[in-house]
Structure formats: structure tokens, C-alpha cells
Amino acid sequence: MVDCLFCKIIAGTIPSSKVYEDEQTYAFADINPQAPTHVLIVPRKHIASLDHAAPEDIAALGHLHTVAADIARGQGLANGYRTVINTGEDGGQTVDHLHVHLLGGRSLHWPPG
């Protein structure tokens, strides 16, 4: 997608602090972290939101969460972490490209926001 911020980050036309990448995903540090560890894990395939995910995206959605768990272990988040997918304007989604927030490194309270 031409005007998608995350597609540009994946393509390397916008710089990022890469944390992980493979053939399906790209993960990078959030530029406005809400916790000591705040990583965004995005599929390389442009999917606007969870609401736009199709049956053929099921494996990719699972892969995003598996990658989040791997990153959490690598970041030393043994005491726990949170994964979040914001969907739509009221859900707090600000970039129209599906992404998982990995948050950790401090106690995360409930309910959020």
C-alpha cells in the first residue's frame, strides 16, 4: 500500500529500530513507548485491521503472536507482558495496518486506558 506508514517501514523507506524480522513479519520499537518494552509486530502483508483479516490470514495472525512471545522471552519479560491489537478508531488504532503491540518491563494494570 503506497501511503501506509508501516508498509514504508517494512520496505525500509522510513527508518525504524528493528527488533525482529522474518519472511512474514517485521517488528520494531515503538517511537512513543508506553512501557519500558514496547514493540510493534506487523505482518508484511498489508491488512488494514483485524476487522479486515480474511480466512487466509489465520496462520499469519497466529504467527504474529508467536513472534511476540519469542521477542518477550528475548527481552527478558519473564514476569509477564501484554499483547494488544487495536482495531478501528474507537479501538485506538492510529495506523491502518494490523499490528500487535508487545508491552512489558513494568507492572501493567487493568483495565487499560
Protein backbone atom coordinates (compact mmCIF):
# COMPACT_ATOMS: atom_id res chain seq x y z
CA MET A 1 0.00 0.00 0.00
CA VAL A 2 1.59 3.24 -1.17
CA ASP A 3 0.58 5.59 1.66
CA CYS A 4 0.83 3.13 4.54
CA LEU A 5 3.34 4.15 7.23
CA PHE A 6 4.06 0.57 8.28
CA CYS A 7 4.44 -0.64 4.68
CA LYS A 8 7.06 2.09 4.23
CA ILE A 9 8.83 0.98 7.43
CA ILE A 10 8.81 -2.64 6.25
CA ALA A 11 10.19 -1.54 2.87
CA GLY A 12 12.95 0.44 4.59
CA THR A 13 11.96 3.82 3.16
CA ILE A 14 11.21 5.05 6.68
CA PRO A 15 13.82 4.15 9.32
CA SER A 16 12.95 2.05 12.35
CA SER A 17 14.68 0.31 15.23
CA LYS A 18 14.31 -3.27 14.04
CA VAL A 19 13.80 -5.86 16.75
CA TYR A 20 12.98 -8.90 14.58
CA GLU A 21 12.11 -9.88 11.04
CA ASP A 22 11.29 -12.98 9.05
CA GLU A 23 9.53 -13.70 5.78
CA GLN A 24 6.08 -12.98 7.27
CA THR A 25 6.66 -10.31 9.91
CA TYR A 26 8.64 -7.24 10.84
CA ALA A 27 8.95 -6.00 14.42
CA PHE A 28 10.32 -2.66 15.59
CA ALA A 29 10.45 -0.45 18.67
CA ASP A 30 7.51 1.92 19.06
CA ILE A 31 8.62 5.57 18.71
CA ASN A 32 6.22 6.55 21.52
CA PRO A 33 6.67 3.72 24.03
CA GLN A 34 4.01 3.18 26.67
CA ALA A 35 6.18 0.74 28.67
CA PRO A 36 9.92 0.05 29.00
CA THR A 37 9.48 -2.58 26.29
CA HIS A 38 7.06 -1.55 23.53
CA VAL A 39 7.49 -3.40 20.26
CA LEU A 40 5.16 -3.37 17.25
CA ILE A 41 4.88 -6.65 15.35
CA VAL A 42 3.38 -6.24 11.89
CA PRO A 43 2.63 -8.64 9.06
CA ARG A 44 4.50 -7.92 5.84
CA LYS A 45 1.19 -8.39 4.02
CA HIS A 46 -0.89 -5.25 4.28
CA ILE A 47 -4.03 -5.97 6.29
CA ALA A 48 -5.78 -2.75 7.31
CA SER A 49 -7.06 -4.05 10.67
CA LEU A 50 -8.15 -7.19 12.46
CA ASP A 51 -11.61 -6.45 11.10
CA HIS A 52 -10.17 -6.83 7.59
CA ALA A 53 -8.42 -10.15 8.24
CA ALA A 54 -9.62 -12.96 5.99
CA PRO A 55 -9.66 -16.73 6.49
CA GLU A 56 -6.37 -16.99 4.58
CA ASP A 57 -4.76 -14.74 7.24
CA ILE A 58 -5.37 -17.15 10.15
CA ALA A 59 -1.83 -18.58 10.11
CA ALA A 60 -0.32 -15.08 9.89
CA LEU A 61 -2.33 -13.90 12.91
CA GLY A 62 -1.08 -16.83 14.94
CA HIS A 63 2.46 -16.19 13.75
CA LEU A 64 2.31 -12.57 14.95
CA HIS A 65 1.54 -13.77 18.48
CA THR A 66 4.18 -16.49 18.40
CA VAL A 67 6.74 -13.88 17.34
CA ALA A 68 5.54 -11.61 20.17
CA ALA A 69 6.15 -14.42 22.68
CA ASP A 70 9.62 -15.09 21.23
CA ILE A 71 10.51 -11.39 21.43
CA ALA A 72 9.18 -11.21 25.01
CA ARG A 73 11.43 -14.10 26.04
CA GLY A 74 14.37 -12.44 24.30
CA GLN A 75 13.66 -9.16 26.07
CA GLY A 76 13.64 -10.89 29.46
CA LEU A 77 9.95 -10.33 30.19
CA ALA A 78 9.67 -13.45 32.38
CA ASN A 79 7.41 -11.62 34.88
CA GLY A 80 4.81 -11.05 32.16
CA TYR A 81 3.81 -8.87 29.27
CA ARG A 82 0.74 -7.79 27.32
CA THR A 83 -0.15 -8.09 23.66
CA VAL A 84 -2.74 -5.71 22.23
CA ILE A 85 -4.38 -5.30 18.84
CA ASN A 86 -6.26 -2.01 18.49
CA THR A 87 -8.97 -2.15 15.84
CA GLY A 88 -10.71 0.88 14.36
CA GLU A 89 -10.87 4.46 15.54
CA ASP A 90 -12.80 3.74 18.74
CA GLY A 91 -10.41 0.86 19.47
CA GLY A 92 -7.46 3.23 19.38
CA GLN A 93 -5.98 2.16 16.04
CA THR A 94 -3.96 5.06 14.59
CA VAL A 95 -2.18 3.31 11.70
CA ASP A 96 -4.31 1.37 9.21
CA HIS A 97 -2.05 -1.68 9.12
CA LEU A 98 -2.74 -4.54 11.50
CA HIS A 99 -0.15 -4.70 14.27
CA VAL A 100 0.39 -6.30 17.65
CA HIS A 101 1.71 -4.16 20.49
CA LEU A 102 4.04 -6.03 22.84
CA LEU A 103 4.24 -4.18 26.16
CA GLY A 104 6.28 -5.16 29.19
CA GLY A 105 9.04 -4.30 31.61
CA ARG A 106 6.71 -2.90 34.29
CA SER A 107 3.51 -3.88 36.04
CA LEU A 108 0.59 -3.39 33.64
CA HIS A 109 -2.69 -2.62 35.36
CA TRP A 110 -6.23 -3.48 34.34
CA PRO A 111 -8.35 -2.05 32.94
CA PRO A 112 -6.17 -0.21 30.45
CA GLY A 113 -6.95 3.27 29.06
